[in-house]
Amino acid sequence: MNYDSITNDHEYEAALKKLSPIFDADPESTEGKEAGHLVNLISEYEKTHYPLSEIEVKNHTSNNSI
């Protein structure tokens, strides 16, 4: 998987599937670097296609405060 961006739900689902087994890889390893790249691509796609409302962000932030 060599994406510069994720452009549709099919690519998004493929990226999530690819990320799952390598998520905990050593960040300096090849798999770890790929995982970091996938996390960035997935995050950008989610910001555009699955944005959180301001209320959801505030609720999430306040629920995770210590």
PDB file of N, CA and C in Angstrom:
ATOM      1  N   MET A   1       0.856  -1.171   0.000  1.00  0.00           N
ATOM      2  CA  MET A   1       0.000   0.000   0.000  1.00  0.00           C
ATOM      3  C   MET A   1       0.897   1.227   0.000  1.00  0.00           C
ATOM      4  N   ASN A   2       0.887   1.957  -1.084  1.00  0.00           N
ATOM      5  CA  ASN A   2       1.683   3.178  -1.186  1.00  0.00           C
ATOM      6  C   ASN A   2       0.764   4.335  -1.551  1.00  0.00           C
ATOM      7  N   TYR A   3       0.182   4.944  -0.541  1.00  0.00           N
ATOM      8  CA  TYR A   3      -0.736   6.050  -0.753  1.00  0.00           C
ATOM      9  C   TYR A   3      -0.113   7.362  -0.319  1.00  0.00           C
ATOM     10  N   ASP A   4      -0.407   8.405  -1.078  1.00  0.00           N
ATOM     11  CA  ASP A   4      -0.084   9.756  -0.637  1.00  0.00           C
ATOM     12  C   ASP A   4      -1.279  10.331   0.104  1.00  0.00           C
ATOM     13  N   SER A   5      -2.444   9.767  -0.185  1.00  0.00           N
ATOM     14  CA  SER A   5      -3.659  10.163   0.507  1.00  0.00           C
ATOM     15  C   SER A   5      -4.688   9.048   0.356  1.00  0.00           C
ATOM     16  N   ILE A   6      -5.698   9.085   1.204  1.00  0.00           N
ATOM     17  CA  ILE A   6      -6.816   8.157   1.104  1.00  0.00           C
ATOM     18  C   ILE A   6      -7.954   8.956   0.483  1.00  0.00           C
ATOM     19  N   THR A   7      -8.505   8.455  -0.601  1.00  0.00           N
ATOM     20  CA  THR A   7      -9.486   9.245  -1.360  1.00  0.00           C
ATOM     21  C   THR A   7     -10.901   8.696  -1.325  1.00  0.00           C
ATOM     22  N   ASN A   8     -11.086   7.500  -0.761  1.00  0.00           N
ATOM     23  CA  ASN A   8     -12.440   6.949  -0.718  1.00  0.00           C
ATOM     24  C   ASN A   8     -12.549   5.934   0.418  1.00  0.00           C
ATOM     25  N   ASP A   9     -13.780   5.505   0.683  1.00  0.00           N
ATOM     26  CA  ASP A   9     -14.009   4.579   1.797  1.00  0.00           C
ATOM     27  C   ASP A   9     -13.334   3.230   1.580  1.00  0.00           C
ATOM     28  N   HIS A  10     -13.224   2.789   0.351  1.00  0.00           N
ATOM     29  CA  HIS A  10     -12.550   1.520   0.075  1.00  0.00           C
ATOM     30  C   HIS A  10     -11.079   1.599   0.497  1.00  0.00           C
ATOM     31  N   GLU A  11     -10.402   2.670   0.129  1.00  0.00           N
ATOM     32  CA  GLU A  11      -9.002   2.862   0.530  1.00  0.00           C
ATOM     33  C   GLU A  11      -8.894   3.036   2.046  1.00  0.00           C
ATOM     34  N   TYR A  12      -9.860   3.727   2.638  1.00  0.00           N
ATOM     35  CA  TYR A  12      -9.884   3.927   4.089  1.00  0.00           C
ATOM     36  C   TYR A  12      -9.975   2.580   4.810  1.00  0.00           C
ATOM     37  N   GLU A  13     -10.894   1.737   4.385  1.00  0.00           N
ATOM     38  CA  GLU A  13     -11.046   0.418   4.998  1.00  0.00           C
ATOM     39  C   GLU A  13      -9.782  -0.427   4.800  1.00  0.00           C
ATOM     40  N   ALA A  14      -9.175  -0.346   3.623  1.00  0.00           N
ATOM     41  CA  ALA A  14      -7.934  -1.090   3.356  1.00  0.00           C
ATOM     42  C   ALA A  14      -6.814  -0.601   4.266  1.00  0.00           C
ATOM     43  N   ALA A  15      -6.738   0.705   4.487  1.00  0.00           N
ATOM     44  CA  ALA A  15      -5.707   1.269   5.367  1.00  0.00           C
ATOM     45  C   ALA A  15      -5.908   0.809   6.804  1.00  0.00           C
ATOM     46  N   LEU A  16      -7.155   0.804   7.279  1.00  0.00           N
ATOM     47  CA  LEU A  16      -7.440   0.323   8.631  1.00  0.00           C
ATOM     48  C   LEU A  16      -7.059  -1.152   8.775  1.00  0.00           C
ATOM     49  N   LYS A  17      -7.377  -1.942   7.774  1.00  0.00           N
ATOM     50  CA  LYS A  17      -7.050  -3.367   7.802  1.00  0.00           C
ATOM     51  C   LYS A  17      -5.535  -3.578   7.806  1.00  0.00           C
ATOM     52  N   LYS A  18      -4.814  -2.801   7.022  1.00  0.00           N
ATOM     53  CA  LYS A  18      -3.360  -2.906   6.958  1.00  0.00           C
ATOM     54  C   LYS A  18      -2.721  -2.452   8.277  1.00  0.00           C
ATOM     55  N   LEU A  19      -3.289  -1.424   8.900  1.00  0.00           N
ATOM     56  CA  LEU A  19      -2.739  -0.876  10.138  1.00  0.00           C
ATOM     57  C   LEU A  19      -2.881  -1.829  11.323  1.00  0.00           C
ATOM     58  N   SER A  20      -3.970  -2.533  11.395  1.00  0.00           N
ATOM     59  CA  SER A  20      -4.278  -3.347  12.565  1.00  0.00           C
ATOM     60  C   SER A  20      -3.126  -4.251  13.021  1.00  0.00           C
ATOM     61  N   PRO A  21      -2.538  -5.071  12.159  1.00  0.00           N
ATOM     62  CA  PRO A  21      -1.492  -5.973  12.651  1.00  0.00           C
ATOM     63  C   PRO A  21      -0.130  -5.312  12.903  1.00  0.00           C
ATOM     64  N   ILE A  22       0.064  -4.088  12.422  1.00  0.00           N
ATOM     65  CA  ILE A  22       1.376  -3.446  12.588  1.00  0.00           C
ATOM     66  C   ILE A  22       1.337  -2.243  13.525  1.00  0.00           C
ATOM     67  N   PHE A  23       0.192  -1.992  14.131  1.00  0.00           N
ATOM     68  CA  PHE A  23       0.010  -0.807  14.964  1.00  0.00           C
ATOM     69  C   PHE A  23       1.048  -0.690  16.074  1.00  0.00           C
ATOM     70  N   ASP A  24       1.398  -1.789  16.711  1.00  0.00           N
ATOM     71  CA  ASP A  24       2.328  -1.764  17.844  1.00  0.00           C
ATOM     72  C   ASP A  24       3.777  -2.031  17.451  1.00  0.00           C
ATOM     73  N   ALA A  25       4.084  -1.954  16.172  1.00  0.00           N
ATOM     74  CA  ALA A  25       5.455  -2.205  15.719  1.00  0.00           C
ATOM     75  C   ALA A  25       6.399  -1.127  16.246  1.00  0.00           C
ATOM     76  N   ASP A  26       7.651  -1.481  16.385  1.00  0.00           N
ATOM     77  CA  ASP A  26       8.691  -0.528  16.786  1.00  0.00           C
ATOM     78  C   ASP A  26       8.676   0.648  15.800  1.00  0.00           C
ATOM     79  N   PRO A  27       8.537   1.879  16.287  1.00  0.00           N
ATOM     80  CA  PRO A  27       8.453   3.045  15.402  1.00  0.00           C
ATOM     81  C   PRO A  27       9.639   3.201  14.454  1.00  0.00           C
ATOM     82  N   GLU A  28      10.776   2.636  14.804  1.00  0.00           N
ATOM     83  CA  GLU A  28      11.964   2.754  13.949  1.00  0.00           C
ATOM     84  C   GLU A  28      12.053   1.650  12.899  1.00  0.00           C
ATOM     85  N   SER A  29      11.198   0.634  13.018  1.00  0.00           N
ATOM     86  CA  SER A  29      11.208  -0.462  12.047  1.00  0.00           C
ATOM     87  C   SER A  29      10.451  -0.051  10.786  1.00  0.00           C
ATOM     88  N   THR A  30      10.617  -0.822   9.748  1.00  0.00           N
ATOM     89  CA  THR A  30       9.896  -0.564   8.495  1.00  0.00           C
ATOM     90  C   THR A  30       8.394  -0.595   8.736  1.00  0.00           C
ATOM     91  N   GLU A  31       7.921  -1.607   9.474  1.00  0.00           N
ATOM     92  CA  GLU A  31       6.490  -1.700   9.770  1.00  0.00           C
ATOM     93  C   GLU A  31       6.029  -0.544  10.648  1.00  0.00           C
ATOM     94  N   GLY A  32       6.841  -0.142  11.589  1.00  0.00           N
ATOM     95  CA  GLY A  32       6.491   0.985  12.450  1.00  0.00           C
ATOM     96  C   GLY A  32       6.371   2.283  11.678  1.00  0.00           C
ATOM     97  N   LYS A  33       7.274   2.482  10.735  1.00  0.00           N
ATOM     98  CA  LYS A  33       7.201   3.682   9.893  1.00  0.00           C
ATOM     99  C   LYS A  33       5.965   3.645   9.009  1.00  0.00           C
ATOM    100  N   GLU A  34       5.644   2.458   8.494  1.00  0.00           N
ATOM    101  CA  GLU A  34       4.428   2.325   7.686  1.00  0.00           C
ATOM    102  C   GLU A  34       3.196   2.579   8.545  1.00  0.00           C
ATOM    103  N   ALA A  35       3.209   2.080   9.777  1.00  0.00           N
ATOM    104  CA  ALA A  35       2.087   2.309  10.691  1.00  0.00           C
ATOM    105  C   ALA A  35       1.902   3.800  10.949  1.00  0.00           C
ATOM    106  N   GLY A  36       2.993   4.512  11.193  1.00  0.00           N
ATOM    107  CA  GLY A  36       2.905   5.957  11.406  1.00  0.00           C
ATOM    108  C   GLY A  36       2.334   6.678  10.203  1.00  0.00           C
ATOM    109  N   HIS A  37       2.763   6.271   9.029  1.00  0.00           N
ATOM    110  CA  HIS A  37       2.253   6.868   7.791  1.00  0.00           C
ATOM    111  C   HIS A  37       0.755   6.595   7.642  1.00  0.00           C
ATOM    112  N   LEU A  38       0.347   5.348   7.914  1.00  0.00           N
ATOM    113  CA  LEU A  38      -1.068   5.003   7.814  1.00  0.00           C
ATOM    114  C   LEU A  38      -1.908   5.778   8.825  1.00  0.00           C
ATOM    115  N   VAL A  39      -1.402   5.921  10.046  1.00  0.00           N
ATOM    116  CA  VAL A  39      -2.134   6.683  11.067  1.00  0.00           C
ATOM    117  C   VAL A  39      -2.369   8.111  10.581  1.00  0.00           C
ATOM    118  N   ASN A  40      -1.353   8.724  10.001  1.00  0.00           N
ATOM    119  CA  ASN A  40      -1.502  10.090   9.491  1.00  0.00           C
ATOM    120  C   ASN A  40      -2.527  10.157   8.363  1.00  0.00           C
ATOM    121  N   LEU A  41      -2.464   9.213   7.433  1.00  0.00           N
ATOM    122  CA  LEU A  41      -3.417   9.201   6.324  1.00  0.00           C
ATOM    123  C   LEU A  41      -4.843   8.974   6.817  1.00  0.00           C
ATOM    124  N   ILE A  42      -5.004   8.034   7.726  1.00  0.00           N
ATOM    125  CA  ILE A  42      -6.332   7.734   8.267  1.00  0.00           C
ATOM    126  C   ILE A  42      -6.883   8.930   9.022  1.00  0.00           C
ATOM    127  N   SER A  43      -6.042   9.567   9.808  1.00  0.00           N
ATOM    128  CA  SER A  43      -6.461  10.742  10.573  1.00  0.00           C
ATOM    129  C   SER A  43      -6.940  11.864   9.655  1.00  0.00           C
ATOM    130  N   GLU A  44      -6.192  12.132   8.608  1.00  0.00           N
ATOM    131  CA  GLU A  44      -6.584  13.181   7.662  1.00  0.00           C
ATOM    132  C   GLU A  44      -7.901  12.843   6.976  1.00  0.00           C
ATOM    133  N   TYR A  45      -8.067  11.596   6.592  1.00  0.00           N
ATOM    134  CA  TYR A  45      -9.317  11.174   5.945  1.00  0.00           C
ATOM    135  C   TYR A  45     -10.488  11.334   6.909  1.00  0.00           C
ATOM    136  N   GLU A  46     -10.301  10.924   8.147  1.00  0.00           N
ATOM    137  CA  GLU A  46     -11.370  11.019   9.138  1.00  0.00           C
ATOM    138  C   GLU A  46     -11.745  12.466   9.439  1.00  0.00           C
ATOM    139  N   LYS A  47     -10.769  13.359   9.471  1.00  0.00           N
ATOM    140  CA  LYS A  47     -11.061  14.774   9.720  1.00  0.00           C
ATOM    141  C   LYS A  47     -11.997  15.336   8.648  1.00  0.00           C
ATOM    142  N   THR A  48     -11.810  14.888   7.431  1.00  0.00           N
ATOM    143  CA  THR A  48     -12.615  15.381   6.308  1.00  0.00           C
ATOM    144  C   THR A  48     -13.959  14.662   6.199  1.00  0.00           C
ATOM    145  N   HIS A  49     -13.957  13.345   6.350  1.00  0.00           N
ATOM    146  CA  HIS A  49     -15.150  12.554   6.074  1.00  0.00           C
ATOM    147  C   HIS A  49     -15.961  12.166   7.299  1.00  0.00           C
ATOM    148  N   TYR A  50     -15.354  12.206   8.469  1.00  0.00           N
ATOM    149  CA  TYR A  50     -16.042  11.853   9.711  1.00  0.00           C
ATOM    150  C   TYR A  50     -15.702  12.869  10.799  1.00  0.00           C
ATOM    151  N   PRO A  51     -15.973  14.155  10.530  1.00  0.00           N
ATOM    152  CA  PRO A  51     -15.581  15.181  11.511  1.00  0.00           C
ATOM    153  C   PRO A  51     -16.406  15.080  12.802  1.00  0.00           C
ATOM    154  N   LEU A  52     -15.752  15.380  13.902  1.00  0.00           N
ATOM    155  CA  LEU A  52     -16.441  15.454  15.184  1.00  0.00           C
ATOM    156  C   LEU A  52     -17.009  16.854  15.349  1.00  0.00           C
ATOM    157  N   SER A  53     -18.204  16.934  15.902  1.00  0.00           N
ATOM    158  CA  SER A  53     -18.768  18.241  16.178  1.00  0.00           C
ATOM    159  C   SER A  53     -18.023  18.874  17.343  1.00  0.00           C
ATOM    160  N   GLU A  54     -18.172  20.170  17.517  1.00  0.00           N
ATOM    161  CA  GLU A  54     -17.508  20.860  18.622  1.00  0.00           C
ATOM    162  C   GLU A  54     -17.962  20.291  19.962  1.00  0.00           C
ATOM    163  N   ILE A  55     -19.233  19.916  20.063  1.00  0.00           N
ATOM    164  CA  ILE A  55     -19.759  19.343  21.305  1.00  0.00           C
ATOM    165  C   ILE A  55     -19.097  17.995  21.582  1.00  0.00           C
ATOM    166  N   GLU A  56     -18.942  17.159  20.552  1.00  0.00           N
ATOM    167  CA  GLU A  56     -18.298  15.865  20.745  1.00  0.00           C
ATOM    168  C   GLU A  56     -16.856  16.026  21.217  1.00  0.00           C
ATOM    169  N   VAL A  57     -16.156  16.987  20.656  1.00  0.00           N
ATOM    170  CA  VAL A  57     -14.767  17.233  21.048  1.00  0.00           C
ATOM    171  C   VAL A  57     -14.706  17.677  22.505  1.00  0.00           C
ATOM    172  N   LYS A  58     -15.583  18.607  22.904  1.00  0.00           N
ATOM    173  CA  LYS A  58     -15.599  19.080  24.286  1.00  0.00           C
ATOM    174  C   LYS A  58     -15.956  17.956  25.248  1.00  0.00           C
ATOM    175  N   ASN A  59     -16.942  17.127  24.889  1.00  0.00           N
ATOM    176  CA  ASN A  59     -17.329  16.009  25.753  1.00  0.00           C
ATOM    177  C   ASN A  59     -16.197  15.003  25.879  1.00  0.00           C
ATOM    178  N   HIS A  60     -15.542  14.694  24.789  1.00  0.00           N
ATOM    179  CA  HIS A  60     -14.436  13.739  24.816  1.00  0.00           C
ATOM    180  C   HIS A  60     -13.290  14.274  25.675  1.00  0.00           C
ATOM    181  N   THR A  61     -12.982  15.540  25.505  1.00  0.00           N
ATOM    182  CA  THR A  61     -11.889  16.153  26.262  1.00  0.00           C
ATOM    183  C   THR A  61     -12.213  16.190  27.757  1.00  0.00           C
ATOM    184  N   SER A  62     -13.430  16.575  28.106  1.00  0.00           N
ATOM    185  CA  SER A  62     -13.778  16.681  29.524  1.00  0.00           C
ATOM    186  C   SER A  62     -13.897  15.308  30.170  1.00  0.00           C
ATOM    187  N   ASN A  63     -14.285  14.287  29.419  1.00  0.00           N
ATOM    188  CA  ASN A  63     -14.390  12.936  29.980  1.00  0.00           C
ATOM    189  C   ASN A  63     -13.028  12.303  30.209  1.00  0.00           C
ATOM    190  N   ASN A  64     -12.001  12.783  29.539  1.00  0.00           N
ATOM    191  CA  ASN A  64     -10.661  12.208  29.679  1.00  0.00           C
ATOM    192  C   ASN A  64      -9.759  13.035  30.584  1.00  0.00           C
ATOM    193  N   SER A  65     -10.294  14.061  31.194  1.00  0.00           N
ATOM    194  CA  SER A  65      -9.484  14.882  32.101  1.00  0.00           C
ATOM    195  C   SER A  65      -9.279  14.167  33.414  1.00  0.00           C
ATOM    196  N   ILE A  66      -8.129  14.388  33.988  1.00  0.00           N
ATOM    197  CA  ILE A  66      -7.832  13.764  35.292  1.00  0.00           C
ATOM    198  C   ILE A  66      -7.881  14.826  36.364  1.00  0.00           C
TER     199      ILE A  66
END
